Amino acid sequence: MLVQGSIVIERSVEDVFDFVADERNEPQYNPQMTHADKVTDGPIGVGTKFHSVMTGIGRAADMTIEFTEFDRPRRIAETTHMSNMDIKGVLTFESVPGATRMRWLWDLEPRGFYKMLGPLIRRIGERQELRIWSELKTVMETGRPARNISR
């Protein structure tokens, strides 16, 4: 099941790409992500893995994110593994006059009980992704986190 969308951020394509590519920045703009660590050595690129903790409906969920494609500053493909779902996704970054258009395309593969909730998960996912990336826009355009975090 696909979740997709786009947003325009008034920053250079390199700035947006680099900020998004470092998943450790995501808690600054994703209110459900409480923690993110890079768990592989070396520079960020193909094969880089991150461990993140998300909260939702009163419980924490662990996620492992691995970059499967990395074409700076144009494209990142990744796989995300969670206990209840796998997600394969692509982020693309395009320079537009005075800004960057970022697009997301996620293919959600729920497991078990969550398979039955497919249409609901898709609707929630669409709203949630727009909210997350709108917060990213705020962070990138104002230079300040959309919310207070402690690292």
N, C-alpha and C. Protein backbone atom coordinates (compact mmCIF):
# COMPACT_ATOMS: atom_id res chain seq x y z
N MET A 1 0.85 -1.15 0.00
CA MET A 1 0.00 0.00 0.00
C MET A 1 0.91 1.22 0.00
N LEU A 2 0.61 2.16 -0.89
CA LEU A 2 1.49 3.32 -1.11
C LEU A 2 1.00 4.55 -0.36
N VAL A 3 1.97 5.28 0.19
CA VAL A 3 1.75 6.59 0.79
C VAL A 3 2.74 7.52 0.11
N GLN A 4 2.24 8.61 -0.45
CA GLN A 4 3.13 9.51 -1.18
C GLN A 4 2.69 10.95 -1.04
N GLY A 5 3.62 11.85 -1.35
CA GLY A 5 3.33 13.27 -1.29
C GLY A 5 4.58 14.07 -1.60
N SER A 6 4.45 15.38 -1.50
CA SER A 6 5.60 16.26 -1.73
C SER A 6 5.41 17.56 -0.96
N ILE A 7 6.53 18.26 -0.81
CA ILE A 7 6.53 19.55 -0.13
C ILE A 7 7.66 20.39 -0.70
N VAL A 8 7.49 21.70 -0.70
CA VAL A 8 8.53 22.62 -1.15
C VAL A 8 9.10 23.31 0.08
N ILE A 9 10.43 23.27 0.20
CA ILE A 9 11.14 23.84 1.33
C ILE A 9 12.10 24.90 0.81
N GLU A 10 12.03 26.09 1.38
CA GLU A 10 12.84 27.21 0.90
C GLU A 10 14.26 27.13 1.44
N ARG A 11 14.97 26.12 0.98
CA ARG A 11 16.40 25.91 1.28
C ARG A 11 16.98 25.18 0.07
N SER A 12 18.30 25.20 -0.03
CA SER A 12 18.95 24.54 -1.17
C SER A 12 18.74 23.03 -1.11
N VAL A 13 18.80 22.42 -2.26
CA VAL A 13 18.62 20.97 -2.34
C VAL A 13 19.69 20.24 -1.54
N GLU A 14 20.90 20.75 -1.52
CA GLU A 14 21.97 20.11 -0.74
C GLU A 14 21.68 20.20 0.76
N ASP A 15 21.22 21.37 1.21
CA ASP A 15 20.90 21.53 2.63
C ASP A 15 19.79 20.58 3.07
N VAL A 16 18.73 20.50 2.28
CA VAL A 16 17.59 19.65 2.64
C VAL A 16 18.02 18.18 2.61
N PHE A 17 18.70 17.79 1.54
CA PHE A 17 19.14 16.41 1.42
C PHE A 17 20.01 16.01 2.61
N ASP A 18 21.02 16.80 2.91
CA ASP A 18 21.96 16.45 3.98
C ASP A 18 21.26 16.37 5.34
N PHE A 19 20.33 17.27 5.61
CA PHE A 19 19.63 17.27 6.89
C PHE A 19 18.75 16.02 7.00
N VAL A 20 18.02 15.70 5.94
CA VAL A 20 17.13 14.55 5.96
C VAL A 20 17.92 13.24 5.98
N ALA A 21 19.04 13.20 5.27
CA ALA A 21 19.83 11.97 5.18
C ALA A 21 20.40 11.55 6.54
N ASP A 22 20.58 12.48 7.43
CA ASP A 22 21.07 12.13 8.76
C ASP A 22 19.85 11.92 9.66
N GLU A 23 19.43 10.68 9.77
CA GLU A 23 18.22 10.34 10.53
C GLU A 23 18.29 10.82 11.98
N ARG A 24 19.48 11.09 12.48
CA ARG A 24 19.60 11.58 13.85
C ARG A 24 18.94 12.95 14.01
N ASN A 25 18.66 13.64 12.90
CA ASN A 25 17.97 14.93 12.95
C ASN A 25 16.46 14.78 13.07
N GLU A 26 15.92 13.61 12.74
CA GLU A 26 14.47 13.46 12.65
C GLU A 26 13.72 13.78 13.94
N PRO A 27 14.24 13.50 15.13
CA PRO A 27 13.49 13.88 16.33
C PRO A 27 13.22 15.39 16.42
N GLN A 28 13.96 16.21 15.69
CA GLN A 28 13.72 17.65 15.69
C GLN A 28 12.41 18.02 14.98
N TYR A 29 11.98 17.18 14.05
CA TYR A 29 10.78 17.52 13.27
C TYR A 29 9.70 16.44 13.27
N ASN A 30 9.98 15.30 13.85
CA ASN A 30 8.99 14.24 13.94
C ASN A 30 8.64 14.03 15.41
N PRO A 31 7.48 14.51 15.85
CA PRO A 31 7.13 14.44 17.27
C PRO A 31 6.96 13.02 17.80
N GLN A 32 6.81 12.04 16.93
CA GLN A 32 6.67 10.66 17.40
C GLN A 32 8.02 9.96 17.55
N MET A 33 9.09 10.52 16.97
CA MET A 33 10.40 9.90 17.10
C MET A 33 11.11 10.47 18.32
N THR A 34 11.36 9.61 19.28
CA THR A 34 11.98 10.07 20.52
C THR A 34 13.49 9.89 20.53
N HIS A 35 14.01 9.06 19.63
CA HIS A 35 15.43 8.74 19.67
C HIS A 35 15.86 8.22 18.30
N ALA A 36 17.07 8.60 17.87
CA ALA A 36 17.64 8.07 16.62
C ALA A 36 19.15 8.03 16.73
N ASP A 37 19.74 6.88 16.43
CA ASP A 37 21.18 6.70 16.46
C ASP A 37 21.66 6.08 15.16
N LYS A 38 22.82 6.49 14.71
CA LYS A 38 23.49 5.84 13.59
C LYS A 38 24.23 4.65 14.17
N VAL A 39 24.01 3.46 13.62
CA VAL A 39 24.60 2.26 14.21
C VAL A 39 25.69 1.63 13.34
N THR A 40 25.98 2.22 12.19
CA THR A 40 27.07 1.77 11.34
C THR A 40 28.18 2.81 11.36
N ASP A 41 29.40 2.37 11.11
CA ASP A 41 30.54 3.28 11.05
C ASP A 41 30.63 3.91 9.67
N GLY A 42 31.43 4.96 9.59
CA GLY A 42 31.71 5.59 8.31
C GLY A 42 30.70 6.65 7.93
N PRO A 43 30.92 7.24 6.75
CA PRO A 43 30.02 8.30 6.29
C PRO A 43 28.64 7.74 5.91
N ILE A 44 27.65 8.60 5.89
CA ILE A 44 26.29 8.20 5.53
C ILE A 44 26.24 7.90 4.04
N GLY A 45 25.68 6.75 3.69
CA GLY A 45 25.57 6.32 2.30
C GLY A 45 24.87 4.98 2.22
N VAL A 46 25.01 4.29 1.10
CA VAL A 46 24.40 2.97 0.94
C VAL A 46 24.92 2.06 2.05
N GLY A 47 24.00 1.37 2.70
CA GLY A 47 24.35 0.46 3.79
C GLY A 47 24.31 1.09 5.17
N THR A 48 24.20 2.41 5.25
CA THR A 48 24.11 3.05 6.56
C THR A 48 22.82 2.60 7.24
N LYS A 49 22.95 2.29 8.53
CA LYS A 49 21.78 1.89 9.33
C LYS A 49 21.62 2.82 10.51
N PHE A 50 20.35 3.06 10.83
CA PHE A 50 19.97 3.86 11.99
C PHE A 50 19.00 3.03 12.83
N HIS A 51 19.05 3.24 14.14
CA HIS A 51 18.06 2.66 15.05
C HIS A 51 17.27 3.83 15.61
N SER A 52 15.95 3.73 15.54
CA SER A 52 15.07 4.79 16.04
C SER A 52 14.02 4.21 16.96
N VAL A 53 13.51 5.07 17.83
CA VAL A 53 12.41 4.70 18.70
C VAL A 53 11.27 5.66 18.43
N MET A 54 10.10 5.10 18.14
CA MET A 54 8.89 5.88 17.87
C MET A 54 7.89 5.61 18.99
N THR A 55 7.10 6.63 19.30
CA THR A 55 6.02 6.43 20.26
C THR A 55 4.70 6.55 19.52
N GLY A 56 3.72 5.86 20.02
CA GLY A 56 2.39 5.93 19.43
C GLY A 56 1.44 5.10 20.26
N ILE A 57 0.30 5.65 20.51
CA ILE A 57 -0.74 4.98 21.27
C ILE A 57 -0.18 4.32 22.54
N GLY A 58 0.61 5.12 23.26
CA GLY A 58 1.06 4.70 24.57
C GLY A 58 2.20 3.71 24.64
N ARG A 59 2.80 3.35 23.50
CA ARG A 59 3.91 2.41 23.58
C ARG A 59 5.01 2.79 22.61
N ALA A 60 6.21 2.37 22.92
CA ALA A 60 7.37 2.66 22.07
C ALA A 60 7.58 1.52 21.09
N ALA A 61 8.06 1.87 19.90
CA ALA A 61 8.35 0.88 18.87
C ALA A 61 9.75 1.13 18.32
N ASP A 62 10.54 0.06 18.23
CA ASP A 62 11.87 0.15 17.66
C ASP A 62 11.79 0.03 16.15
N MET A 63 12.66 0.78 15.48
CA MET A 63 12.75 0.74 14.02
C MET A 63 14.22 0.63 13.63
N THR A 64 14.48 -0.12 12.57
CA THR A 64 15.79 -0.14 11.94
C THR A 64 15.63 0.37 10.52
N ILE A 65 16.40 1.39 10.18
CA ILE A 65 16.34 2.02 8.86
C ILE A 65 17.67 1.76 8.18
N GLU A 66 17.62 1.27 6.94
CA GLU A 66 18.85 1.03 6.17
C GLU A 66 18.73 1.70 4.81
N PHE A 67 19.75 2.46 4.44
CA PHE A 67 19.78 3.11 3.13
C PHE A 67 20.22 2.09 2.08
N THR A 68 19.39 1.92 1.06
CA THR A 68 19.67 0.98 -0.02
C THR A 68 20.13 1.68 -1.29
N GLU A 69 19.84 2.97 -1.41
CA GLU A 69 20.36 3.82 -2.48
C GLU A 69 20.69 5.16 -1.86
N PHE A 70 21.72 5.81 -2.40
CA PHE A 70 22.13 7.10 -1.86
C PHE A 70 22.80 7.87 -2.99
N ASP A 71 22.08 8.82 -3.56
CA ASP A 71 22.58 9.61 -4.68
C ASP A 71 22.47 11.09 -4.30
N ARG A 72 23.47 11.59 -3.58
CA ARG A 72 23.44 12.98 -3.11
C ARG A 72 23.53 13.93 -4.28
N PRO A 73 22.72 14.97 -4.35
CA PRO A 73 21.61 15.36 -3.47
C PRO A 73 20.24 15.04 -4.07
N ARG A 74 20.12 13.95 -4.80
CA ARG A 74 18.88 13.68 -5.54
C ARG A 74 17.96 12.62 -4.95
N ARG A 75 18.52 11.55 -4.35
CA ARG A 75 17.66 10.41 -4.05
C ARG A 75 18.23 9.58 -2.90
N ILE A 76 17.31 9.16 -2.03
CA ILE A 76 17.61 8.19 -0.97
C ILE A 76 16.52 7.12 -1.04
N ALA A 77 16.94 5.87 -1.09
CA ALA A 77 15.99 4.75 -0.94
C ALA A 77 16.35 4.03 0.35
N GLU A 78 15.34 3.55 1.03
CA GLU A 78 15.58 2.93 2.32
C GLU A 78 14.57 1.84 2.60
N THR A 79 14.95 0.96 3.51
CA THR A 79 14.01 -0.02 4.06
C THR A 79 13.95 0.21 5.56
N THR A 80 12.75 0.11 6.08
CA THR A 80 12.52 0.27 7.51
C THR A 80 11.84 -0.99 8.02
N HIS A 81 12.39 -1.55 9.09
CA HIS A 81 11.82 -2.75 9.70
C HIS A 81 11.30 -2.40 11.08
N MET A 82 10.04 -2.78 11.31
CA MET A 82 9.39 -2.61 12.61
C MET A 82 8.74 -3.95 12.96
N SER A 83 8.31 -4.11 14.17
CA SER A 83 7.71 -5.39 14.56
C SER A 83 6.42 -5.68 13.80
N ASN A 84 5.67 -4.64 13.46
CA ASN A 84 4.37 -4.84 12.82
C ASN A 84 4.33 -4.49 11.34
N MET A 85 5.48 -4.03 10.78
CA MET A 85 5.43 -3.55 9.41
C MET A 85 6.84 -3.39 8.85
N ASP A 86 6.97 -3.61 7.54
CA ASP A 86 8.16 -3.24 6.80
C ASP A 86 7.76 -2.13 5.84
N ILE A 87 8.68 -1.21 5.61
CA ILE A 87 8.42 -0.08 4.72
C ILE A 87 9.60 0.05 3.77
N LYS A 88 9.31 0.10 2.49
CA LYS A 88 10.32 0.42 1.49
C LYS A 88 9.96 1.79 0.96
N GLY A 89 10.95 2.68 0.88
CA GLY A 89 10.62 4.03 0.49
C GLY A 89 11.71 4.72 -0.28
N VAL A 90 11.29 5.80 -0.94
CA VAL A 90 12.20 6.64 -1.70
C VAL A 90 11.88 8.09 -1.40
N LEU A 91 12.93 8.85 -1.14
CA LEU A 91 12.83 10.30 -1.04
C LEU A 91 13.60 10.88 -2.23
N THR A 92 12.98 11.81 -2.94
CA THR A 92 13.68 12.49 -4.03
C THR A 92 13.69 13.98 -3.75
N PHE A 93 14.75 14.64 -4.21
CA PHE A 93 14.99 16.05 -3.95
C PHE A 93 15.26 16.73 -5.28
N GLU A 94 14.49 17.79 -5.56
CA GLU A 94 14.60 18.49 -6.84
C GLU A 94 14.74 19.98 -6.57
N SER A 95 15.72 20.57 -7.20
CA SER A 95 15.90 22.02 -7.08
C SER A 95 14.82 22.72 -7.88
N VAL A 96 14.12 23.65 -7.24
CA VAL A 96 13.15 24.52 -7.90
C VAL A 96 13.56 25.95 -7.56
N PRO A 97 13.11 26.95 -8.28
CA PRO A 97 13.57 28.32 -8.02
C PRO A 97 13.48 28.71 -6.54
N GLY A 98 14.64 28.94 -5.93
CA GLY A 98 14.71 29.39 -4.54
C GLY A 98 14.35 28.36 -3.50
N ALA A 99 14.24 27.09 -3.90
CA ALA A 99 13.76 26.08 -2.94
C ALA A 99 14.10 24.67 -3.42
N THR A 100 13.59 23.72 -2.65
CA THR A 100 13.72 22.29 -2.97
C THR A 100 12.35 21.65 -2.89
N ARG A 101 12.02 20.86 -3.91
CA ARG A 101 10.81 20.03 -3.84
C ARG A 101 11.25 18.64 -3.40
N MET A 102 10.74 18.21 -2.26
CA MET A 102 11.03 16.88 -1.74
C MET A 102 9.78 16.03 -1.91
N ARG A 103 9.98 14.85 -2.47
CA ARG A 103 8.87 13.91 -2.65
C ARG A 103 9.16 12.65 -1.85
N TRP A 104 8.09 12.05 -1.33
CA TRP A 104 8.23 10.78 -0.64
C TRP A 104 7.27 9.77 -1.24
N LEU A 105 7.71 8.54 -1.27
CA LEU A 105 6.90 7.42 -1.73
C LEU A 105 7.25 6.23 -0.85
N TRP A 106 6.30 5.81 -0.04
CA TRP A 106 6.49 4.70 0.89
C TRP A 106 5.58 3.55 0.49
N ASP A 107 6.12 2.35 0.47
CA ASP A 107 5.34 1.15 0.23
C ASP A 107 5.26 0.41 1.57
N LEU A 108 4.10 0.48 2.20
CA LEU A 108 3.89 -0.10 3.53
C LEU A 108 3.47 -1.56 3.40
N GLU A 109 4.12 -2.42 4.17
CA GLU A 109 3.80 -3.84 4.17
C GLU A 109 3.49 -4.29 5.59
N PRO A 110 2.24 -4.04 6.05
CA PRO A 110 1.89 -4.43 7.42
C PRO A 110 1.86 -5.96 7.57
N ARG A 111 2.09 -6.41 8.80
CA ARG A 111 2.08 -7.83 9.11
C ARG A 111 1.00 -8.12 10.15
N GLY A 112 0.58 -9.37 10.16
CA GLY A 112 -0.35 -9.85 11.18
C GLY A 112 -1.64 -9.05 11.22
N PHE A 113 -2.06 -8.74 12.41
CA PHE A 113 -3.30 -8.00 12.63
C PHE A 113 -3.35 -6.69 11.84
N TYR A 114 -2.20 -6.05 11.67
CA TYR A 114 -2.13 -4.75 11.00
C TYR A 114 -2.49 -4.83 9.52
N LYS A 115 -2.38 -6.04 8.93
CA LYS A 115 -2.78 -6.21 7.53
C LYS A 115 -4.25 -5.87 7.32
N MET A 116 -5.07 -6.25 8.30
CA MET A 116 -6.52 -5.99 8.19
C MET A 116 -6.84 -4.50 8.28
N LEU A 117 -5.93 -3.73 8.85
CA LEU A 117 -6.15 -2.30 9.03
C LEU A 117 -5.57 -1.47 7.88
N GLY A 118 -5.24 -2.13 6.77
CA GLY A 118 -4.57 -1.49 5.66
C GLY A 118 -5.11 -0.12 5.26
N PRO A 119 -6.40 0.01 4.90
CA PRO A 119 -6.92 1.31 4.47
C PRO A 119 -6.79 2.40 5.55
N LEU A 120 -7.01 2.02 6.79
CA LEU A 120 -6.89 2.98 7.90
C LEU A 120 -5.42 3.40 8.07
N ILE A 121 -4.52 2.42 8.02
CA ILE A 121 -3.09 2.72 8.14
C ILE A 121 -2.65 3.66 7.02
N ARG A 122 -3.15 3.44 5.83
CA ARG A 122 -2.77 4.31 4.70
C ARG A 122 -3.24 5.75 4.95
N ARG A 123 -4.48 5.93 5.36
CA ARG A 123 -5.00 7.28 5.62
C ARG A 123 -4.24 7.97 6.74
N ILE A 124 -3.99 7.24 7.81
CA ILE A 124 -3.21 7.81 8.92
C ILE A 124 -1.80 8.14 8.43
N GLY A 125 -1.20 7.24 7.67
CA GLY A 125 0.14 7.46 7.15
C GLY A 125 0.25 8.69 6.27
N GLU A 126 -0.73 8.93 5.43
CA GLU A 126 -0.71 10.11 4.57
C GLU A 126 -0.73 11.39 5.40
N ARG A 127 -1.61 11.45 6.38
CA ARG A 127 -1.69 12.64 7.24
C ARG A 127 -0.43 12.81 8.07
N GLN A 128 0.05 11.70 8.61
CA GLN A 128 1.24 11.74 9.45
C GLN A 128 2.46 12.20 8.65
N GLU A 129 2.65 11.70 7.45
CA GLU A 129 3.80 12.10 6.63
C GLU A 129 3.75 13.58 6.29
N LEU A 130 2.58 14.09 5.92
CA LEU A 130 2.46 15.52 5.61
C LEU A 130 2.79 16.35 6.84
N ARG A 131 2.33 15.91 8.00
CA ARG A 131 2.61 16.63 9.25
C ARG A 131 4.12 16.62 9.56
N ILE A 132 4.75 15.46 9.41
CA ILE A 132 6.19 15.34 9.68
C ILE A 132 6.98 16.25 8.75
N TRP A 133 6.70 16.18 7.46
CA TRP A 133 7.48 16.95 6.49
C TRP A 133 7.15 18.44 6.59
N SER A 134 5.97 18.80 7.03
CA SER A 134 5.66 20.21 7.29
C SER A 134 6.49 20.73 8.45
N GLU A 135 6.70 19.89 9.46
CA GLU A 135 7.57 20.26 10.58
C GLU A 135 9.02 20.41 10.10
N LEU A 136 9.45 19.52 9.19
CA LEU A 136 10.79 19.66 8.60
C LEU A 136 10.92 21.01 7.92
N LYS A 137 9.91 21.39 7.16
CA LYS A 137 9.90 22.69 6.47
C LYS A 137 10.10 23.82 7.48
N THR A 138 9.38 23.76 8.61
CA THR A 138 9.52 24.78 9.66
C THR A 138 10.96 24.83 10.18
N VAL A 139 11.51 23.66 10.48
CA VAL A 139 12.88 23.59 11.01
C VAL A 139 13.86 24.15 9.99
N MET A 140 13.74 23.74 8.74
CA MET A 140 14.70 24.15 7.71
C MET A 140 14.59 25.64 7.38
N GLU A 141 13.38 26.16 7.37
CA GLU A 141 13.19 27.56 6.96
C GLU A 141 13.42 28.55 8.09
N THR A 142 13.26 28.12 9.32
CA THR A 142 13.44 29.04 10.44
C THR A 142 14.77 28.83 11.16
N GLY A 143 15.39 27.67 10.94
CA GLY A 143 16.65 27.38 11.61
C GLY A 143 16.50 26.96 13.06
N ARG A 144 15.29 26.68 13.49
CA ARG A 144 15.08 26.24 14.87
C ARG A 144 14.21 24.99 14.88
N PRO A 145 14.41 24.12 15.85
CA PRO A 145 13.58 22.91 15.92
C PRO A 145 12.11 23.27 16.08
N ALA A 146 11.26 22.48 15.49
CA ALA A 146 9.82 22.66 15.61
C ALA A 146 9.35 22.34 17.02
N ARG A 147 10.15 21.59 17.76
CA ARG A 147 9.81 21.23 19.13
C ARG A 147 11.10 21.09 19.91
N ASN A 148 11.00 21.15 21.21
CA ASN A 148 12.18 21.00 22.07
C ASN A 148 12.55 19.53 22.17
N ILE A 149 13.83 19.24 22.01
CA ILE A 149 14.30 17.87 22.18
C ILE A 149 15.56 17.89 23.03
N SER A 150 15.84 16.79 23.64
CA SER A 150 17.11 16.65 24.35
C SER A 150 17.81 15.44 23.75
N ARG A 151 19.10 15.59 23.53
CA ARG A 151 19.86 14.50 22.92
C ARG A 151 20.79 13.89 23.93
